[in-house]
Amino acid sequence: MIFEGALTVAEVYKWMVDLRDAYGTVNTLIKESNKPTTADAALLVTAFDVDNSLTLDETELAAWLQEGVNLTHEERMALGASKGK
């Protein structure tokens, strides 16, 4: 994926799927039912899209990533597990 300005919902969704699939090849705990959806990507974009452009620009993307970095491993696992419920 080439980053040119801002990520659309479709690009965020593709990124989510690609990362999940790549991580899933080494982590057998990832279940097929926990695949991201376009609704997940839209929710993520909406949550961090401070300028209401329906995209994630560099600053917004950094905010999302920083929030994830600040979570403990246990918090990230709980967040991921809650998706399948």
N, C-alpha and C. Protein backbone atom coordinates (compact mmCIF):
# COMPACT_ATOMS: atom_id res chain seq x y z
N MET A 1 0.85 -1.17 0.00
CA MET A 1 0.00 0.00 0.00
C MET A 1 0.90 1.24 0.00
N ILE A 2 0.61 2.15 -0.86
CA ILE A 2 1.35 3.41 -0.93
C ILE A 2 0.49 4.47 -0.24
N PHE A 3 1.08 5.15 0.72
CA PHE A 3 0.36 6.16 1.49
C PHE A 3 0.48 7.50 0.76
N GLU A 4 -0.64 7.98 0.25
CA GLU A 4 -0.66 9.25 -0.48
C GLU A 4 -1.68 10.19 0.14
N GLY A 5 -1.29 10.88 1.18
CA GLY A 5 -2.16 11.88 1.77
C GLY A 5 -3.00 11.37 2.90
N ALA A 6 -4.02 10.58 2.63
CA ALA A 6 -4.92 10.09 3.66
C ALA A 6 -5.48 8.74 3.24
N LEU A 7 -5.83 7.94 4.24
CA LEU A 7 -6.39 6.61 3.98
C LEU A 7 -7.91 6.67 3.98
N THR A 8 -8.51 6.07 2.98
CA THR A 8 -9.97 5.95 2.92
C THR A 8 -10.39 4.76 3.78
N VAL A 9 -11.69 4.63 3.99
CA VAL A 9 -12.23 3.47 4.71
C VAL A 9 -11.81 2.19 4.01
N ALA A 10 -11.91 2.16 2.68
CA ALA A 10 -11.53 0.96 1.93
C ALA A 10 -10.05 0.61 2.13
N GLU A 11 -9.20 1.62 2.16
CA GLU A 11 -7.77 1.38 2.37
C GLU A 11 -7.47 0.92 3.79
N VAL A 12 -8.17 1.49 4.77
CA VAL A 12 -8.00 1.05 6.15
C VAL A 12 -8.47 -0.39 6.28
N TYR A 13 -9.59 -0.72 5.66
CA TYR A 13 -10.10 -2.10 5.70
C TYR A 13 -9.09 -3.07 5.09
N LYS A 14 -8.54 -2.73 3.93
CA LYS A 14 -7.56 -3.61 3.29
C LYS A 14 -6.34 -3.78 4.18
N TRP A 15 -5.90 -2.71 4.79
CA TRP A 15 -4.75 -2.76 5.70
C TRP A 15 -5.06 -3.68 6.89
N MET A 16 -6.26 -3.54 7.46
CA MET A 16 -6.67 -4.37 8.60
C MET A 16 -6.67 -5.85 8.22
N VAL A 17 -7.23 -6.16 7.06
CA VAL A 17 -7.29 -7.55 6.60
C VAL A 17 -5.89 -8.09 6.32
N ASP A 18 -5.07 -7.31 5.64
CA ASP A 18 -3.71 -7.75 5.31
C ASP A 18 -2.90 -8.01 6.58
N LEU A 19 -2.99 -7.11 7.55
CA LEU A 19 -2.25 -7.30 8.80
C LEU A 19 -2.76 -8.50 9.58
N ARG A 20 -4.07 -8.65 9.63
CA ARG A 20 -4.65 -9.80 10.33
C ARG A 20 -4.24 -11.10 9.68
N ASP A 21 -4.30 -11.13 8.36
CA ASP A 21 -3.91 -12.35 7.65
C ASP A 21 -2.44 -12.67 7.85
N ALA A 22 -1.60 -11.66 7.82
CA ALA A 22 -0.16 -11.87 8.02
C ALA A 22 0.11 -12.34 9.45
N TYR A 23 -0.53 -11.72 10.42
CA TYR A 23 -0.34 -12.09 11.81
C TYR A 23 -0.96 -13.46 12.08
N GLY A 24 -2.07 -13.74 11.43
CA GLY A 24 -2.77 -15.01 11.63
C GLY A 24 -1.97 -16.21 11.19
N THR A 25 -1.01 -16.01 10.29
CA THR A 25 -0.19 -17.15 9.84
C THR A 25 0.77 -17.59 10.94
N VAL A 26 1.03 -16.75 11.92
CA VAL A 26 1.91 -17.13 13.02
C VAL A 26 1.17 -17.24 14.35
N ASN A 27 -0.09 -16.87 14.38
CA ASN A 27 -0.86 -16.91 15.61
C ASN A 27 -2.13 -17.72 15.39
N THR A 28 -2.13 -18.95 15.86
CA THR A 28 -3.27 -19.83 15.63
C THR A 28 -4.48 -19.47 16.49
N LEU A 29 -4.34 -18.50 17.40
CA LEU A 29 -5.47 -18.09 18.22
C LEU A 29 -6.43 -17.18 17.47
N ILE A 30 -6.00 -16.64 16.34
CA ILE A 30 -6.88 -15.76 15.56
C ILE A 30 -7.92 -16.62 14.85
N LYS A 31 -9.16 -16.31 15.08
CA LYS A 31 -10.26 -17.09 14.53
C LYS A 31 -10.80 -16.42 13.26
N GLU A 32 -11.29 -17.26 12.37
CA GLU A 32 -11.86 -16.76 11.12
C GLU A 32 -13.01 -15.80 11.39
N SER A 33 -13.78 -16.05 12.44
CA SER A 33 -14.93 -15.20 12.75
C SER A 33 -14.53 -13.80 13.21
N ASN A 34 -13.26 -13.61 13.53
CA ASN A 34 -12.80 -12.30 14.00
C ASN A 34 -12.21 -11.45 12.89
N LYS A 35 -12.48 -11.81 11.64
CA LYS A 35 -11.97 -10.99 10.53
C LYS A 35 -12.58 -9.60 10.60
N PRO A 36 -11.77 -8.59 10.30
CA PRO A 36 -12.32 -7.23 10.28
C PRO A 36 -13.37 -7.07 9.18
N THR A 37 -14.25 -6.13 9.37
CA THR A 37 -15.28 -5.83 8.38
C THR A 37 -15.11 -4.39 7.92
N THR A 38 -15.78 -4.05 6.86
CA THR A 38 -15.74 -2.65 6.42
C THR A 38 -16.38 -1.75 7.49
N ALA A 39 -17.35 -2.29 8.24
CA ALA A 39 -17.95 -1.51 9.33
C ALA A 39 -16.91 -1.22 10.41
N ASP A 40 -16.02 -2.18 10.69
CA ASP A 40 -14.93 -1.95 11.65
C ASP A 40 -14.03 -0.82 11.17
N ALA A 41 -13.68 -0.86 9.89
CA ALA A 41 -12.81 0.16 9.31
C ALA A 41 -13.50 1.53 9.36
N ALA A 42 -14.78 1.57 9.04
CA ALA A 42 -15.52 2.83 9.06
C ALA A 42 -15.60 3.38 10.49
N LEU A 43 -15.80 2.50 11.47
CA LEU A 43 -15.84 2.93 12.87
C LEU A 43 -14.50 3.50 13.30
N LEU A 44 -13.43 2.86 12.90
CA LEU A 44 -12.09 3.33 13.24
C LEU A 44 -11.83 4.70 12.61
N VAL A 45 -12.15 4.83 11.33
CA VAL A 45 -11.94 6.12 10.65
C VAL A 45 -12.78 7.20 11.32
N THR A 46 -14.02 6.91 11.60
CA THR A 46 -14.91 7.89 12.24
C THR A 46 -14.38 8.30 13.61
N ALA A 47 -13.84 7.35 14.36
CA ALA A 47 -13.37 7.63 15.71
C ALA A 47 -12.17 8.57 15.72
N PHE A 48 -11.32 8.49 14.70
CA PHE A 48 -10.08 9.28 14.71
C PHE A 48 -10.05 10.39 13.66
N ASP A 49 -11.09 10.52 12.88
CA ASP A 49 -11.16 11.53 11.81
C ASP A 49 -11.61 12.87 12.37
N VAL A 50 -10.66 13.62 12.92
CA VAL A 50 -11.03 14.87 13.60
C VAL A 50 -11.48 15.97 12.64
N ASP A 51 -11.07 15.91 11.38
CA ASP A 51 -11.47 16.95 10.43
C ASP A 51 -12.69 16.56 9.60
N ASN A 52 -13.32 15.42 9.93
CA ASN A 52 -14.54 14.95 9.26
C ASN A 52 -14.39 14.80 7.75
N SER A 53 -13.21 14.37 7.31
CA SER A 53 -12.97 14.18 5.88
C SER A 53 -13.29 12.75 5.41
N LEU A 54 -13.72 11.90 6.33
CA LEU A 54 -13.98 10.49 6.07
C LEU A 54 -12.73 9.74 5.62
N THR A 55 -11.57 10.27 6.02
CA THR A 55 -10.28 9.62 5.77
C THR A 55 -9.42 9.80 7.02
N LEU A 56 -8.31 9.03 7.06
CA LEU A 56 -7.32 9.21 8.12
C LEU A 56 -6.09 9.84 7.51
N ASP A 57 -5.80 11.09 7.90
CA ASP A 57 -4.57 11.70 7.43
C ASP A 57 -3.43 11.28 8.35
N GLU A 58 -2.24 11.76 8.09
CA GLU A 58 -1.06 11.33 8.84
C GLU A 58 -1.20 11.55 10.35
N THR A 59 -1.70 12.71 10.73
CA THR A 59 -1.86 13.03 12.15
C THR A 59 -2.90 12.12 12.81
N GLU A 60 -4.01 11.89 12.12
CA GLU A 60 -5.07 11.04 12.66
C GLU A 60 -4.60 9.58 12.76
N LEU A 61 -3.88 9.13 11.75
CA LEU A 61 -3.34 7.77 11.76
C LEU A 61 -2.36 7.61 12.92
N ALA A 62 -1.52 8.61 13.13
CA ALA A 62 -0.56 8.56 14.25
C ALA A 62 -1.29 8.49 15.59
N ALA A 63 -2.39 9.22 15.72
CA ALA A 63 -3.17 9.20 16.97
C ALA A 63 -3.72 7.81 17.22
N TRP A 64 -4.24 7.16 16.19
CA TRP A 64 -4.78 5.80 16.32
C TRP A 64 -3.67 4.83 16.75
N LEU A 65 -2.54 4.89 16.06
CA LEU A 65 -1.43 4.00 16.38
C LEU A 65 -0.89 4.26 17.78
N GLN A 66 -0.80 5.53 18.16
CA GLN A 66 -0.29 5.86 19.50
C GLN A 66 -1.22 5.33 20.57
N GLU A 67 -2.52 5.41 20.34
CA GLU A 67 -3.47 4.88 21.32
C GLU A 67 -3.26 3.39 21.50
N GLY A 68 -3.04 2.68 20.40
CA GLY A 68 -2.79 1.24 20.49
C GLY A 68 -1.49 0.92 21.19
N VAL A 69 -0.46 1.70 20.94
CA VAL A 69 0.84 1.49 21.57
C VAL A 69 0.73 1.68 23.08
N ASN A 70 -0.13 2.56 23.51
CA ASN A 70 -0.27 2.85 24.93
C ASN A 70 -1.03 1.76 25.69
N LEU A 71 -1.69 0.85 24.97
CA LEU A 71 -2.38 -0.26 25.62
C LEU A 71 -1.38 -1.32 26.05
N THR A 72 -1.68 -1.99 27.15
CA THR A 72 -0.86 -3.13 27.54
C THR A 72 -1.19 -4.30 26.62
N HIS A 73 -0.36 -5.31 26.64
CA HIS A 73 -0.62 -6.51 25.84
C HIS A 73 -1.98 -7.10 26.21
N GLU A 74 -2.27 -7.15 27.50
CA GLU A 74 -3.54 -7.72 27.97
C GLU A 74 -4.73 -6.90 27.46
N GLU A 75 -4.59 -5.57 27.47
CA GLU A 75 -5.67 -4.71 26.97
C GLU A 75 -5.90 -4.92 25.48
N ARG A 76 -4.80 -5.05 24.71
CA ARG A 76 -4.94 -5.31 23.27
C ARG A 76 -5.61 -6.65 23.01
N MET A 77 -5.23 -7.68 23.77
CA MET A 77 -5.83 -9.00 23.59
C MET A 77 -7.31 -8.97 23.95
N ALA A 78 -7.66 -8.28 25.04
CA ALA A 78 -9.07 -8.17 25.45
C ALA A 78 -9.88 -7.43 24.40
N LEU A 79 -9.30 -6.37 23.84
CA LEU A 79 -9.97 -5.61 22.79
C LEU A 79 -10.21 -6.48 21.57
N GLY A 80 -9.21 -7.23 21.17
CA GLY A 80 -9.35 -8.13 20.03
C GLY A 80 -10.36 -9.24 20.30
N ALA A 81 -10.36 -9.79 21.51
CA ALA A 81 -11.29 -10.85 21.86
C ALA A 81 -12.73 -10.35 21.91
N SER A 82 -12.92 -9.08 22.27
CA SER A 82 -14.27 -8.54 22.37
C SER A 82 -14.93 -8.41 21.00
N LYS A 83 -14.14 -8.35 19.94
CA LYS A 83 -14.66 -8.22 18.56
C LYS A 83 -15.53 -9.41 18.19
N GLY A 84 -15.15 -10.61 18.66
CA GLY A 84 -15.87 -11.82 18.27
C GLY A 84 -17.12 -12.09 19.07
N LYS A 85 -17.43 -11.22 20.02
CA LYS A 85 -18.59 -11.46 20.90
C LYS A 85 -19.80 -10.70 20.46
